[in-house]
Amino acid sequence: MAFTRDQAWNLLQNARQGGRLPHAILLTGTPAAGTHALALALAKELNGAVADAPENLRHPMCRVLRPGSKIRTITIDTVRSVEPFLTLKAAEGDTKLVILLEADRLMDEAANAFLKTLEEPPPQTLIVLITELPNRLLPTILSRCVRLDLRTKDTSLHLTPAQKCFLPYVKAALPKVGEDVAALALRADFQNLLSKRKDAISERITADLKAEAKAISEGTDVRDWEARQKDATVAMIETEYLSERSQMIELLSLCLGQALLVASHAPDVRVLVPEIEELAHKCSVHSLLRRMQSVDLLRSDLNFNINEALALDSRLLDIIGNNSL
């Protein structure tokens, strides 16, 4: 789910006070949503560094990387330029902070080099990646960051048709979070719903194809036209199915994210369903954070084309069952 800047800051403060501040954070959204301001707030909180923009941040314990050259890319030389800084030992109480602006502009070679830093971060280090286009980052980078999506302001929630279909099953699972049997039940409901939605998508797109074939039938060999459209039709069905599956997973993230905000005593949280507030009183902030991270891992598994059933079997136990406690 997307957070306001104040909500995201509250979560980060809570994590830091509990000694659970991650070593890598991905902030997604526009500067207007507060990505730059949040990074600067971290610089001030961690090291007392003050600046009006990341480009103007000057502090011995802070570094800012940004795209360069005419084609505006982040090269491997740019990434390597910060490596000596990361090997330094920070003074007690300080944190080596690296802010990477427009992280989606990492070249492949640079992204792979940067991945090594994320995999084995030096002590007393925080890396903040900022981008408006997170889908352009390598899945391996996404999976190693705690992601915070920022929005400009609170807006009413508008669920997609797929999310509305999935919501009753999520509502039924939320009061039973912490029970493996609830995870198994949600997995069965989820897979059944996914199958039904895919059949519905296939029927609708196929019907649209037949209607289009009928409309152009005069003077055209419709059978030949339909044969040529077959691959495109299969791709359209798969694309729409994957989009709906992603929307349903996002609904899980939304519910857990709202519970996390309530548990963190964030103000003005309008929960989607009452069960979310009940979950917030039942689970700790740490548990909810781990469950949200498991949602991110589920997304990552599916992006890597891991078998859908296997991914759901494993990750839903962590998201809903007792493995995250």
Protein backbone atom coordinates (compact mmCIF):
# COMPACT_ATOMS: atom_id res chain seq x y z
CA MET A 1 0.00 0.00 0.00
CA ALA A 2 1.02 3.64 -0.37
CA PHE A 3 1.80 5.83 2.65
CA THR A 4 1.82 9.55 3.19
CA ARG A 5 5.22 10.98 4.05
CA ASP A 6 4.21 11.41 7.71
CA GLN A 7 2.97 7.82 7.91
CA ALA A 8 6.18 6.49 6.37
CA TRP A 9 8.28 8.60 8.75
CA ASN A 10 6.32 7.27 11.71
CA LEU A 11 7.03 3.69 10.58
CA LEU A 12 10.75 4.39 10.16
CA GLN A 13 10.95 6.07 13.56
CA ASN A 14 9.20 3.12 15.15
CA ALA A 15 11.60 0.70 13.46
CA ARG A 16 14.65 2.70 14.53
CA GLN A 17 13.53 2.98 18.14
CA GLY A 18 13.00 -0.77 18.17
CA GLY A 19 16.45 -1.41 16.67
CA ARG A 20 14.91 -2.78 13.47
CA LEU A 21 15.81 -0.12 10.92
CA PRO A 22 16.67 -2.04 7.72
CA HIS A 23 19.96 -1.62 5.92
CA ALA A 24 18.27 -0.77 2.60
CA ILE A 25 15.06 1.19 1.97
CA LEU A 26 13.34 1.74 -1.36
CA LEU A 27 11.25 4.92 -1.52
CA THR A 28 8.93 5.03 -4.51
CA GLY A 29 6.97 8.03 -5.71
CA THR A 30 7.55 11.60 -6.78
CA PRO A 31 9.48 14.25 -4.86
CA ALA A 32 6.09 15.91 -4.30
CA ALA A 33 4.99 12.77 -2.44
CA GLY A 34 7.95 13.26 -0.09
CA THR A 35 10.63 10.81 -1.26
CA HIS A 36 13.42 13.39 -1.19
CA ALA A 37 12.16 15.00 2.02
CA LEU A 38 12.03 11.63 3.76
CA ALA A 39 15.61 10.81 2.74
CA LEU A 40 16.76 14.20 4.04
CA ALA A 41 14.85 13.64 7.29
CA LEU A 42 16.79 10.39 7.73
CA ALA A 43 20.07 12.24 7.11
CA LYS A 44 19.17 14.73 9.82
CA GLU A 45 17.92 12.09 12.26
CA LEU A 46 20.91 9.78 11.83
CA ASN A 47 23.77 12.23 11.37
CA GLY A 48 22.49 15.74 12.05
CA ALA A 49 22.96 16.64 8.38
CA VAL A 50 20.75 19.45 7.06
CA ALA A 51 20.04 20.31 3.41
CA ASP A 52 17.19 21.69 1.32
CA ALA A 53 17.67 19.07 -1.42
CA PRO A 54 19.59 15.79 -1.75
CA GLU A 55 21.94 17.38 -4.29
CA ASN A 56 22.98 19.90 -1.64
CA LEU A 57 23.56 17.37 1.12
CA ARG A 58 27.08 17.82 2.49
CA HIS A 59 28.18 15.70 5.43
CA PRO A 60 31.11 13.35 6.06
CA MET A 61 28.71 10.46 6.72
CA CYS A 62 26.40 11.07 3.73
CA ARG A 63 26.80 10.41 0.01
CA VAL A 64 24.35 11.08 -2.82
CA LEU A 65 24.52 9.23 -6.13
CA ARG A 66 22.58 10.42 -9.19
CA PRO A 67 22.45 9.84 -12.95
CA GLY A 68 25.16 11.50 -14.97
CA SER A 69 26.28 11.94 -18.57
CA LYS A 70 24.10 13.05 -21.48
CA ILE A 71 22.04 9.87 -21.44
CA ARG A 72 21.41 10.22 -17.68
CA THR A 73 22.48 6.81 -16.44
CA ILE A 74 24.10 5.52 -13.26
CA THR A 75 27.25 3.71 -14.34
CA ILE A 76 29.38 1.14 -12.58
CA ASP A 77 32.03 3.83 -12.03
CA THR A 78 29.47 5.88 -10.09
CA VAL A 79 28.62 2.89 -7.94
CA ARG A 80 32.26 2.04 -7.31
CA SER A 81 33.01 5.64 -6.36
CA VAL A 82 31.11 5.15 -3.12
CA GLU A 83 32.75 1.84 -2.16
CA PRO A 84 35.71 3.42 -0.28
CA PHE A 85 33.21 5.44 1.77
CA LEU A 86 31.31 2.29 2.72
CA THR A 87 34.48 0.65 4.04
CA LEU A 88 35.02 3.49 6.52
CA LYS A 89 34.17 2.94 10.15
CA ALA A 90 31.50 5.36 11.32
CA ALA A 91 31.84 7.06 14.67
CA GLU A 92 29.65 5.71 17.44
CA GLY A 93 26.11 6.96 16.93
CA ASP A 94 26.63 7.84 13.27
CA THR A 95 25.37 5.95 10.23
CA LYS A 96 26.92 5.88 6.76
CA LEU A 97 24.04 7.04 4.58
CA VAL A 98 23.96 6.55 0.80
CA ILE A 99 21.07 8.08 -1.14
CA LEU A 100 20.62 6.85 -4.70
CA LEU A 101 18.42 9.18 -6.77
CA GLU A 102 16.52 7.85 -9.82
CA ALA A 103 17.64 4.31 -8.99
CA ASP A 104 15.79 2.99 -12.05
CA ARG A 105 18.60 4.47 -14.17
CA LEU A 106 21.13 1.94 -12.91
CA MET A 107 22.83 0.31 -15.88
CA ASP A 108 22.89 -3.50 -15.79
CA GLU A 109 26.57 -3.67 -14.84
CA ALA A 110 26.10 -1.01 -12.18
CA ALA A 111 22.98 -2.73 -10.83
CA ASN A 112 24.85 -6.01 -10.42
CA ALA A 113 27.72 -4.26 -8.66
CA PHE A 114 25.29 -2.44 -6.38
CA LEU A 115 23.55 -5.72 -5.62
CA LYS A 116 26.72 -7.01 -3.94
CA THR A 117 26.59 -4.08 -1.52
CA LEU A 118 22.94 -4.82 -0.73
CA GLU A 119 23.68 -8.49 -0.16
CA GLU A 120 26.56 -7.82 2.27
CA PRO A 121 26.04 -4.31 3.67
CA PRO A 122 28.86 -2.95 5.83
CA PRO A 123 27.97 -2.24 9.47
CA GLN A 124 26.47 1.13 10.42
CA THR A 125 25.18 1.63 6.88
CA LEU A 126 21.82 2.70 5.47
CA ILE A 127 21.17 2.77 1.73
CA VAL A 128 18.13 4.68 0.47
CA LEU A 129 17.06 4.10 -3.13
CA ILE A 130 14.58 6.56 -4.65
CA THR A 131 12.61 6.02 -7.86
CA GLU A 132 9.32 6.77 -9.54
CA LEU A 133 9.66 3.61 -11.64
CA PRO A 134 10.37 0.67 -9.30
CA ASN A 135 9.39 -1.90 -11.95
CA ARG A 136 12.58 -1.03 -13.83
CA LEU A 137 14.76 -2.24 -10.98
CA LEU A 138 16.12 -5.76 -10.93
CA PRO A 139 13.90 -8.13 -8.93
CA THR A 140 16.99 -9.11 -6.92
CA ILE A 141 17.42 -5.47 -5.84
CA LEU A 142 13.73 -5.11 -5.00
CA SER A 143 13.82 -8.22 -2.84
CA ARG A 144 16.68 -6.85 -0.71
CA CYS A 145 15.02 -3.56 0.20
CA VAL A 146 12.18 -2.65 2.49
CA ARG A 147 9.85 -0.80 0.16
CA LEU A 148 7.76 2.24 1.08
CA ASP A 149 5.44 3.57 -1.61
CA LEU A 150 4.59 7.22 -0.98
CA ARG A 151 1.49 9.09 -2.09
CA THR A 152 0.82 12.80 -2.12
CA LYS A 153 -2.31 12.72 0.03
CA ASP A 154 -4.91 10.44 1.51
CA THR A 155 -7.55 9.40 -0.99
CA SER A 156 -10.56 7.15 -0.86
CA LEU A 157 -9.85 3.53 -1.61
CA HIS A 158 -11.18 2.20 -4.89
CA LEU A 159 -10.91 -1.57 -5.15
CA THR A 160 -10.71 -3.24 -8.54
CA PRO A 161 -13.29 -5.91 -9.47
CA ALA A 162 -10.68 -8.62 -8.77
CA GLN A 163 -9.94 -7.16 -5.33
CA LYS A 164 -13.65 -6.97 -4.50
CA CYS A 165 -13.93 -10.69 -5.29
CA PHE A 166 -10.93 -11.50 -3.10
CA LEU A 167 -11.88 -9.26 -0.17
CA PRO A 168 -14.38 -11.68 1.52
CA TYR A 169 -11.70 -14.38 1.68
CA VAL A 170 -9.15 -11.95 3.14
CA LYS A 171 -11.71 -10.74 5.70
CA ALA A 172 -12.27 -14.34 6.77
CA ALA A 173 -8.53 -14.95 7.14
CA LEU A 174 -7.58 -11.80 9.10
CA PRO A 175 -9.12 -12.85 12.46
CA LYS A 176 -7.22 -16.14 12.21
CA VAL A 177 -3.78 -14.71 11.42
CA GLY A 178 -1.21 -16.82 13.23
CA GLU A 179 -2.93 -20.11 12.41
CA ASP A 180 -1.51 -22.31 9.67
CA VAL A 181 -4.96 -23.70 8.91
CA ALA A 182 -6.09 -20.17 8.02
CA ALA A 183 -3.18 -19.84 5.58
CA LEU A 184 -4.08 -23.15 3.95
CA ALA A 185 -7.72 -22.13 3.66
CA LEU A 186 -6.81 -18.80 2.09
CA ARG A 187 -4.47 -20.53 -0.34
CA ALA A 188 -7.28 -22.84 -1.48
CA ASP A 189 -9.73 -19.94 -1.81
CA PHE A 190 -7.13 -17.84 -3.62
CA GLN A 191 -6.29 -20.54 -6.15
CA ASN A 192 -9.96 -21.31 -6.75
CA LEU A 193 -10.70 -17.63 -7.30
CA LEU A 194 -7.71 -17.22 -9.61
CA SER A 195 -8.92 -20.15 -11.70
CA LYS A 196 -12.41 -18.67 -11.97
CA ARG A 197 -11.08 -15.23 -12.87
CA LYS A 198 -8.82 -16.68 -15.57
CA ASP A 199 -11.75 -18.60 -17.08
CA ALA A 200 -13.82 -15.42 -17.07
CA ILE A 201 -11.04 -13.43 -18.70
CA SER A 202 -10.57 -16.12 -21.36
CA GLU A 203 -14.29 -16.27 -22.13
CA ARG A 204 -14.59 -12.49 -22.41
CA ILE A 205 -11.54 -11.99 -24.61
CA THR A 206 -12.48 -14.96 -26.80
CA ALA A 207 -16.00 -13.56 -27.20
CA ASP A 208 -14.57 -10.18 -28.14
CA LEU A 209 -12.35 -11.89 -30.71
CA LYS A 210 -15.31 -13.71 -32.27
CA ALA A 211 -17.31 -10.49 -32.42
CA GLU A 212 -14.42 -8.76 -34.16
CA ALA A 213 -14.09 -11.69 -36.58
CA LYS A 214 -17.77 -11.45 -37.42
CA ALA A 215 -17.49 -7.74 -38.06
CA ILE A 216 -14.74 -8.21 -40.63
CA SER A 217 -16.03 -11.45 -42.13
CA GLU A 218 -17.09 -10.01 -45.46
CA GLY A 219 -14.36 -10.50 -48.01
CA THR A 220 -11.96 -11.98 -45.46
CA ASP A 221 -10.90 -15.52 -44.63
CA VAL A 222 -11.96 -15.39 -40.99
CA ARG A 223 -10.35 -18.73 -40.12
CA ASP A 224 -6.97 -17.46 -41.30
CA TRP A 225 -7.46 -14.21 -39.39
CA GLU A 226 -8.36 -16.06 -36.17
CA ALA A 227 -5.32 -18.31 -36.55
CA ARG A 228 -3.06 -15.27 -36.83
CA GLN A 229 -4.66 -13.79 -33.71
CA LYS A 230 -4.26 -16.93 -31.60
CA ASP A 231 -0.88 -16.11 -30.05
CA ALA A 232 -1.89 -12.53 -29.43
CA THR A 233 -5.09 -13.69 -27.72
CA VAL A 234 -3.20 -16.08 -25.42
CA ALA A 235 -0.84 -13.24 -24.49
CA MET A 236 -3.76 -10.88 -23.78
CA ILE A 237 -5.41 -13.45 -21.51
CA GLU A 238 -2.17 -14.10 -19.61
CA THR A 239 -1.40 -10.40 -19.23
CA GLU A 240 -4.83 -9.60 -17.81
CA TYR A 241 -4.71 -12.64 -15.52
CA LEU A 242 -1.32 -11.65 -14.11
CA SER A 243 -2.60 -8.11 -13.58
CA GLU A 244 -5.59 -9.36 -11.57
CA ARG A 245 -3.38 -11.71 -9.56
CA SER A 246 -1.11 -8.78 -8.74
CA GLN A 247 -4.12 -6.71 -7.67
CA MET A 248 -5.22 -9.42 -5.25
CA ILE A 249 -1.75 -9.65 -3.73
CA GLU A 250 -1.78 -5.86 -3.40
CA LEU A 251 -5.02 -6.18 -1.41
CA LEU A 252 -3.21 -8.43 1.07
CA SER A 253 -0.44 -5.85 1.35
CA LEU A 254 -3.00 -3.08 1.82
CA CYS A 255 -4.73 -4.85 4.71
CA LEU A 256 -1.47 -5.68 6.47
CA GLY A 257 -0.15 -2.17 5.83
CA GLN A 258 -3.21 -0.58 7.39
CA ALA A 259 -2.90 -2.90 10.38
CA LEU A 260 0.75 -1.84 10.69
CA LEU A 261 -0.23 1.83 10.71
CA VAL A 262 -2.85 1.25 13.41
CA ALA A 263 -0.37 -0.78 15.48
CA SER A 264 2.17 2.05 15.11
CA HIS A 265 -0.44 4.53 16.40
CA ALA A 266 -0.47 6.48 13.14
CA PRO A 267 -3.23 9.11 13.04
CA ASP A 268 -6.22 9.19 10.69
CA VAL A 269 -6.08 5.60 9.46
CA ARG A 270 -9.37 4.64 7.79
CA VAL A 271 -9.29 0.87 7.71
CA LEU A 272 -10.85 -0.98 4.82
CA VAL A 273 -12.63 -3.51 7.05
CA PRO A 274 -12.98 -3.77 10.87
CA GLU A 275 -10.94 -6.97 10.93
CA ILE A 276 -7.83 -4.91 10.11
CA GLU A 277 -8.08 -2.95 13.35
CA GLU A 278 -8.60 -6.19 15.28
CA LEU A 279 -5.45 -7.60 13.66
CA ALA A 280 -3.48 -4.49 14.70
CA HIS A 281 -4.36 -5.11 18.36
CA LYS A 282 -3.50 -8.79 18.05
CA CYS A 283 -0.10 -8.62 16.30
CA SER A 284 3.05 -6.69 17.10
CA VAL A 285 4.56 -4.15 14.73
CA HIS A 286 7.48 -6.52 14.20
CA SER A 287 5.19 -9.38 13.22
CA LEU A 288 3.22 -7.20 10.81
CA LEU A 289 6.43 -5.93 9.21
CA ARG A 290 7.63 -9.49 8.66
CA ARG A 291 4.30 -10.48 7.16
CA MET A 292 4.44 -7.52 4.76
CA GLN A 293 7.97 -8.52 3.79
CA SER A 294 6.62 -11.98 3.00
CA VAL A 295 4.10 -10.39 0.64
CA ASP A 296 7.04 -8.73 -1.14
CA LEU A 297 8.78 -12.12 -1.33
CA LEU A 298 5.64 -13.64 -2.85
CA ARG A 299 5.66 -10.92 -5.51
CA SER A 300 9.34 -11.62 -6.14
CA ASP A 301 8.76 -15.38 -6.44
CA LEU A 302 6.00 -14.85 -8.98
CA ASN A 303 8.09 -12.32 -10.92
CA PHE A 304 10.78 -15.00 -11.20
CA ASN A 305 8.12 -17.36 -12.64
CA ILE A 306 8.33 -19.75 -9.70
CA ASN A 307 5.42 -22.20 -9.86
CA GLU A 308 2.35 -20.30 -8.68
CA ALA A 309 0.98 -23.07 -6.45
CA LEU A 310 4.35 -23.65 -4.78
CA ALA A 311 4.87 -19.92 -4.19
CA LEU A 312 1.43 -19.57 -2.61
CA ASP A 313 1.95 -22.68 -0.48
CA SER A 314 5.18 -21.32 0.97
CA ARG A 315 4.54 -17.60 1.28
CA LEU A 316 0.96 -17.63 2.54
CA LEU A 317 2.14 -19.63 5.55
CA ASP A 318 4.49 -16.73 6.32
CA ILE A 319 1.88 -14.07 5.52
CA ILE A 320 -1.08 -15.59 7.38
CA GLY A 321 0.26 -18.57 9.37
CA ASN A 322 2.49 -18.71 12.42
CA ASN A 323 5.88 -18.81 10.65
CA SER A 324 6.28 -15.03 10.92
CA LEU A 325 5.72 -14.83 14.64
